[in-house]
């Protein structure tokens, strides 16, 4: 099939409406899951700097509403491994893993409407001064929280059609 024939075929396919039958709805379109989810959740208050970054990212993406009908509760666990270890036992790079368990509860009935677990990892360098390594570790934990928050929001958008009114 020549290039011009392919373009004609794809244009005809799009015009015929065959692509509309797949059920795809953009998340942020009016009436989409992202639009309907905005302002519907309140989160547990943060208890440390990483959880503050997590809550801030979720509230930035879904907006904050203290009187929302649903509450997002979460717990975070970390794992920590040395990646680049020299023959003398010095570690030059660390691998930080995070697991976030979340639950969305209807505030009126206290029923769980959805829950899940997201996992991810980041790495950071331990080369340099103690201050530089400490700053790298703090930055890595904050990056991990942003990644986990984005994963939670994505999962909530994917399941929102089944639990939002």
C-alpha atoms as a PDB file:
ATOM      1  CA  UNK A   1       0.000   0.000   0.000  1.00  0.00           C
ATOM      2  CA  UNK A   2       1.518   3.298  -1.012  1.00  0.00           C
ATOM      3  CA  UNK A   3       1.782   6.194   1.433  1.00  0.00           C
ATOM      4  CA  UNK A   4      -1.034   8.138  -0.198  1.00  0.00           C
ATOM      5  CA  UNK A   5      -3.311   5.085  -0.106  1.00  0.00           C
ATOM      6  CA  UNK A   6      -2.584   4.614   3.615  1.00  0.00           C
ATOM      7  CA  UNK A   7      -3.524   8.210   4.382  1.00  0.00           C
ATOM      8  CA  UNK A   8      -6.755   7.869   2.412  1.00  0.00           C
ATOM      9  CA  UNK A   9      -7.589   4.616   4.218  1.00  0.00           C
ATOM     10  CA  UNK A  10      -6.925   6.096   7.677  1.00  0.00           C
ATOM     11  CA  UNK A  11      -8.918   9.237   6.885  1.00  0.00           C
ATOM     12  CA  UNK A  12     -11.838   7.130   5.677  1.00  0.00           C
ATOM     13  CA  UNK A  13     -11.608   4.945   8.789  1.00  0.00           C
ATOM     14  CA  UNK A  14     -11.686   7.972  11.088  1.00  0.00           C
ATOM     15  CA  UNK A  15     -14.540   9.573   9.167  1.00  0.00           C
ATOM     16  CA  UNK A  16     -16.613   6.395   9.251  1.00  0.00           C
ATOM     17  CA  UNK A  17     -16.804   6.391  13.034  1.00  0.00           C
ATOM     18  CA  UNK A  18     -15.271   2.940  13.426  1.00  0.00           C
ATOM     19  CA  UNK A  19     -12.662   4.324  15.799  1.00  0.00           C
ATOM     20  CA  UNK A  20     -15.332   5.786  18.081  1.00  0.00           C
ATOM     21  CA  UNK A  21     -16.624   2.330  19.006  1.00  0.00           C
ATOM     22  CA  UNK A  22     -13.601   1.445  21.139  1.00  0.00           C
ATOM     23  CA  UNK A  23     -14.987   3.153  24.262  1.00  0.00           C
ATOM     24  CA  UNK A  24     -12.003   5.446  24.741  1.00  0.00           C
ATOM     25  CA  UNK A  25     -12.790   8.622  26.675  1.00  0.00           C
ATOM     26  CA  UNK A  26     -10.039  11.120  27.454  1.00  0.00           C
ATOM     27  CA  UNK A  27      -9.528  11.340  31.230  1.00  0.00           C
ATOM     28  CA  UNK A  28      -9.501  15.124  31.340  1.00  0.00           C
ATOM     29  CA  UNK A  29     -12.318  15.667  28.860  1.00  0.00           C
ATOM     30  CA  UNK A  30     -15.506  17.242  30.213  1.00  0.00           C
ATOM     31  CA  UNK A  31     -17.267  14.436  32.055  1.00  0.00           C
ATOM     32  CA  UNK A  32     -14.166  12.213  31.942  1.00  0.00           C
ATOM     33  CA  UNK A  33     -12.756  10.477  35.019  1.00  0.00           C
ATOM     34  CA  UNK A  34     -10.204  13.210  35.723  1.00  0.00           C
ATOM     35  CA  UNK A  35     -12.831  15.907  35.499  1.00  0.00           C
ATOM     36  CA  UNK A  36     -15.296  14.024  37.721  1.00  0.00           C
ATOM     37  CA  UNK A  37     -12.618  13.092  40.269  1.00  0.00           C
ATOM     38  CA  UNK A  38     -11.464  16.682  40.754  1.00  0.00           C
ATOM     39  CA  UNK A  39     -12.437  17.906  44.226  1.00  0.00           C
ATOM     40  CA  UNK A  40     -13.953  14.570  45.299  1.00  0.00           C
ATOM     41  CA  UNK A  41     -11.075  13.425  47.564  1.00  0.00           C
ATOM     42  CA  UNK A  42      -9.506  14.592  50.756  1.00  0.00           C
ATOM     43  CA  UNK A  43      -6.303  12.949  51.934  1.00  0.00           C
ATOM     44  CA  UNK A  44      -4.905  11.974  55.284  1.00  0.00           C
ATOM     45  CA  UNK A  45      -2.729  14.768  56.663  1.00  0.00           C
ATOM     46  CA  UNK A  46       1.002  14.369  55.995  1.00  0.00           C
ATOM     47  CA  UNK A  47       3.129  13.170  58.894  1.00  0.00           C
ATOM     48  CA  UNK A  48       6.638  13.885  57.560  1.00  0.00           C
ATOM     49  CA  UNK A  49       8.371  15.623  54.650  1.00  0.00           C
ATOM     50  CA  UNK A  50       8.007  12.763  52.123  1.00  0.00           C
ATOM     51  CA  UNK A  51       4.312  12.309  52.930  1.00  0.00           C
ATOM     52  CA  UNK A  52       3.875  16.082  52.577  1.00  0.00           C
ATOM     53  CA  UNK A  53       5.323  15.863  49.053  1.00  0.00           C
ATOM     54  CA  UNK A  54       2.969  12.949  48.299  1.00  0.00           C
ATOM     55  CA  UNK A  55      -0.156  14.723  49.571  1.00  0.00           C
ATOM     56  CA  UNK A  56       0.828  17.963  47.842  1.00  0.00           C
ATOM     57  CA  UNK A  57       1.219  16.171  44.505  1.00  0.00           C
ATOM     58  CA  UNK A  58      -2.124  14.371  44.833  1.00  0.00           C
ATOM     59  CA  UNK A  59      -3.890  17.607  45.806  1.00  0.00           C
ATOM     60  CA  UNK A  60      -2.210  19.451  42.939  1.00  0.00           C
ATOM     61  CA  UNK A  61      -3.500  16.908  40.439  1.00  0.00           C
ATOM     62  CA  UNK A  62      -6.974  16.393  41.931  1.00  0.00           C
ATOM     63  CA  UNK A  63      -7.441  19.666  43.865  1.00  0.00           C
ATOM     64  CA  UNK A  64      -7.947  19.981  47.595  1.00  0.00           C
ATOM     65  CA  UNK A  65     -11.370  19.758  49.198  1.00  0.00           C
ATOM     66  CA  UNK A  66     -11.583  19.242  52.970  1.00  0.00           C
ATOM     67  CA  UNK A  67     -15.311  18.471  52.781  1.00  0.00           C
ATOM     68  CA  UNK A  68     -15.005  15.947  49.939  1.00  0.00           C
ATOM     69  CA  UNK A  69     -17.221  12.858  49.980  1.00  0.00           C
ATOM     70  CA  UNK A  70     -14.231  10.478  49.788  1.00  0.00           C
ATOM     71  CA  UNK A  71     -11.074  10.147  51.911  1.00  0.00           C
ATOM     72  CA  UNK A  72      -7.783   8.764  50.614  1.00  0.00           C
ATOM     73  CA  UNK A  73      -5.760   7.013  53.310  1.00  0.00           C
ATOM     74  CA  UNK A  74      -2.280   5.689  52.677  1.00  0.00           C
ATOM     75  CA  UNK A  75       0.761   4.032  54.195  1.00  0.00           C
ATOM     76  CA  UNK A  76       4.280   4.129  52.799  1.00  0.00           C
ATOM     77  CA  UNK A  77       7.074   1.604  53.248  1.00  0.00           C
ATOM     78  CA  UNK A  78      10.628   1.976  52.001  1.00  0.00           C
ATOM     79  CA  UNK A  79      13.389  -0.378  50.947  1.00  0.00           C
ATOM     80  CA  UNK A  80      17.015   0.577  50.697  1.00  0.00           C
ATOM     81  CA  UNK A  81      19.837  -1.231  48.854  1.00  0.00           C
ATOM     82  CA  UNK A  82      23.399  -0.428  47.875  1.00  0.00           C
ATOM     83  CA  UNK A  83      23.897  -0.726  44.125  1.00  0.00           C
ATOM     84  CA  UNK A  84      27.527   0.124  43.390  1.00  0.00           C
ATOM     85  CA  UNK A  85      29.741  -1.350  46.080  1.00  0.00           C
ATOM     86  CA  UNK A  86      33.509  -1.121  45.747  1.00  0.00           C
ATOM     87  CA  UNK A  87      35.870  -3.966  46.698  1.00  0.00           C
ATOM     88  CA  UNK A  88      36.660  -2.153  49.961  1.00  0.00           C
ATOM     89  CA  UNK A  89      32.958  -2.082  50.909  1.00  0.00           C
ATOM     90  CA  UNK A  90      32.174   1.548  50.061  1.00  0.00           C
ATOM     91  CA  UNK A  91      28.769   2.127  48.500  1.00  0.00           C
ATOM     92  CA  UNK A  92      28.660   4.633  45.644  1.00  0.00           C
ATOM     93  CA  UNK A  93      25.009   4.399  44.607  1.00  0.00           C
ATOM     94  CA  UNK A  94      21.821   3.568  46.468  1.00  0.00           C
ATOM     95  CA  UNK A  95      18.516   2.165  45.274  1.00  0.00           C
ATOM     96  CA  UNK A  96      15.434   3.403  47.158  1.00  0.00           C
ATOM     97  CA  UNK A  97      12.187   1.488  46.670  1.00  0.00           C
ATOM     98  CA  UNK A  98       8.793   2.624  47.847  1.00  0.00           C
ATOM     99  CA  UNK A  99       5.488   0.855  48.280  1.00  0.00           C
ATOM    100  CA  UNK A 100       2.345   2.846  48.856  1.00  0.00           C
ATOM    101  CA  UNK A 101      -0.841   1.115  49.969  1.00  0.00           C
ATOM    102  CA  UNK A 102      -3.916   3.293  49.538  1.00  0.00           C
ATOM    103  CA  UNK A 103      -7.613   3.053  50.276  1.00  0.00           C
ATOM    104  CA  UNK A 104     -10.446   5.340  49.243  1.00  0.00           C
ATOM    105  CA  UNK A 105     -13.275   5.412  51.781  1.00  0.00           C
ATOM    106  CA  UNK A 106     -16.760   6.890  51.385  1.00  0.00           C
ATOM    107  CA  UNK A 107     -16.951   9.431  54.220  1.00  0.00           C
ATOM    108  CA  UNK A 108     -20.696   8.916  54.725  1.00  0.00           C
ATOM    109  CA  UNK A 109     -20.793   5.123  54.952  1.00  0.00           C
ATOM    110  CA  UNK A 110     -17.139   4.399  55.837  1.00  0.00           C
ATOM    111  CA  UNK A 111     -17.185   1.769  53.078  1.00  0.00           C
ATOM    112  CA  UNK A 112     -14.049   1.149  51.052  1.00  0.00           C
ATOM    113  CA  UNK A 113     -14.759   2.035  47.426  1.00  0.00           C
ATOM    114  CA  UNK A 114     -11.339   1.202  46.000  1.00  0.00           C
ATOM    115  CA  UNK A 115      -7.866   0.307  47.186  1.00  0.00           C
ATOM    116  CA  UNK A 116      -4.551  -0.683  45.746  1.00  0.00           C
ATOM    117  CA  UNK A 117      -0.803  -0.779  45.984  1.00  0.00           C
ATOM    118  CA  UNK A 118       1.738   1.036  43.858  1.00  0.00           C
ATOM    119  CA  UNK A 119       5.483   0.419  43.826  1.00  0.00           C
ATOM    120  CA  UNK A 120       8.422   2.168  42.256  1.00  0.00           C
ATOM    121  CA  UNK A 121      12.066   3.000  42.774  1.00  0.00           C
ATOM    122  CA  UNK A 122      14.674   5.717  42.387  1.00  0.00           C
ATOM    123  CA  UNK A 123      18.435   5.715  42.760  1.00  0.00           C
ATOM    124  CA  UNK A 124      20.916   8.299  43.909  1.00  0.00           C
ATOM    125  CA  UNK A 125      24.649   8.783  44.072  1.00  0.00           C
ATOM    126  CA  UNK A 126      26.627   8.552  47.289  1.00  0.00           C
ATOM    127  CA  UNK A 127      29.782  10.068  45.828  1.00  0.00           C
ATOM    128  CA  UNK A 128      30.958  13.357  47.251  1.00  0.00           C
ATOM    129  CA  UNK A 129      30.674  14.906  50.654  1.00  0.00           C
ATOM    130  CA  UNK A 130      28.352  13.824  53.434  1.00  0.00           C
ATOM    131  CA  UNK A 131      26.211  16.895  52.789  1.00  0.00           C
ATOM    132  CA  UNK A 132      25.954  16.103  49.066  1.00  0.00           C
ATOM    133  CA  UNK A 133      24.989  12.492  49.776  1.00  0.00           C
ATOM    134  CA  UNK A 134      22.379  13.591  52.300  1.00  0.00           C
ATOM    135  CA  UNK A 135      20.918  16.080  49.811  1.00  0.00           C
ATOM    136  CA  UNK A 136      20.813  13.343  47.155  1.00  0.00           C
ATOM    137  CA  UNK A 137      18.956  11.019  49.527  1.00  0.00           C
ATOM    138  CA  UNK A 138      16.380  13.697  50.395  1.00  0.00           C
ATOM    139  CA  UNK A 139      15.855  14.523  46.719  1.00  0.00           C
ATOM    140  CA  UNK A 140      15.483  10.833  45.846  1.00  0.00           C
ATOM    141  CA  UNK A 141      12.797  10.335  48.479  1.00  0.00           C
ATOM    142  CA  UNK A 142      10.885  13.378  47.190  1.00  0.00           C
ATOM    143  CA  UNK A 143      11.142  12.135  43.590  1.00  0.00           C
ATOM    144  CA  UNK A 144       9.866   8.744  44.726  1.00  0.00           C
ATOM    145  CA  UNK A 145       6.846  10.351  46.413  1.00  0.00           C
ATOM    146  CA  UNK A 146       5.973  12.276  43.236  1.00  0.00           C
ATOM    147  CA  UNK A 147       6.205   9.089  41.178  1.00  0.00           C
ATOM    148  CA  UNK A 148       4.023   7.144  43.636  1.00  0.00           C
ATOM    149  CA  UNK A 149       1.468   9.988  43.821  1.00  0.00           C
ATOM    150  CA  UNK A 150       1.201  10.081  40.029  1.00  0.00           C
ATOM    151  CA  UNK A 151       0.682   6.311  39.963  1.00  0.00           C
ATOM    152  CA  UNK A 152      -2.100   6.556  42.569  1.00  0.00           C
ATOM    153  CA  UNK A 153      -3.846   9.326  40.627  1.00  0.00           C
ATOM    154  CA  UNK A 154      -3.600   7.278  37.432  1.00  0.00           C
ATOM    155  CA  UNK A 155      -5.138   4.238  39.152  1.00  0.00           C
ATOM    156  CA  UNK A 156      -7.891   6.364  40.689  1.00  0.00           C
ATOM    157  CA  UNK A 157      -8.743   7.792  37.274  1.00  0.00           C
ATOM    158  CA  UNK A 158      -8.806   4.300  35.800  1.00  0.00           C
ATOM    159  CA  UNK A 159     -11.236   3.017  38.440  1.00  0.00           C
ATOM    160  CA  UNK A 160     -13.276   6.183  39.104  1.00  0.00           C
ATOM    161  CA  UNK A 161     -16.053   5.214  36.689  1.00  0.00           C
ATOM    162  CA  UNK A 162     -16.900   2.233  38.906  1.00  0.00           C
ATOM    163  CA  UNK A 163     -17.169   4.070  42.239  1.00  0.00           C
ATOM    164  CA  UNK A 164     -17.978   7.721  41.564  1.00  0.00           C
ATOM    165  CA  UNK A 165     -21.689   8.533  41.391  1.00  0.00           C
END
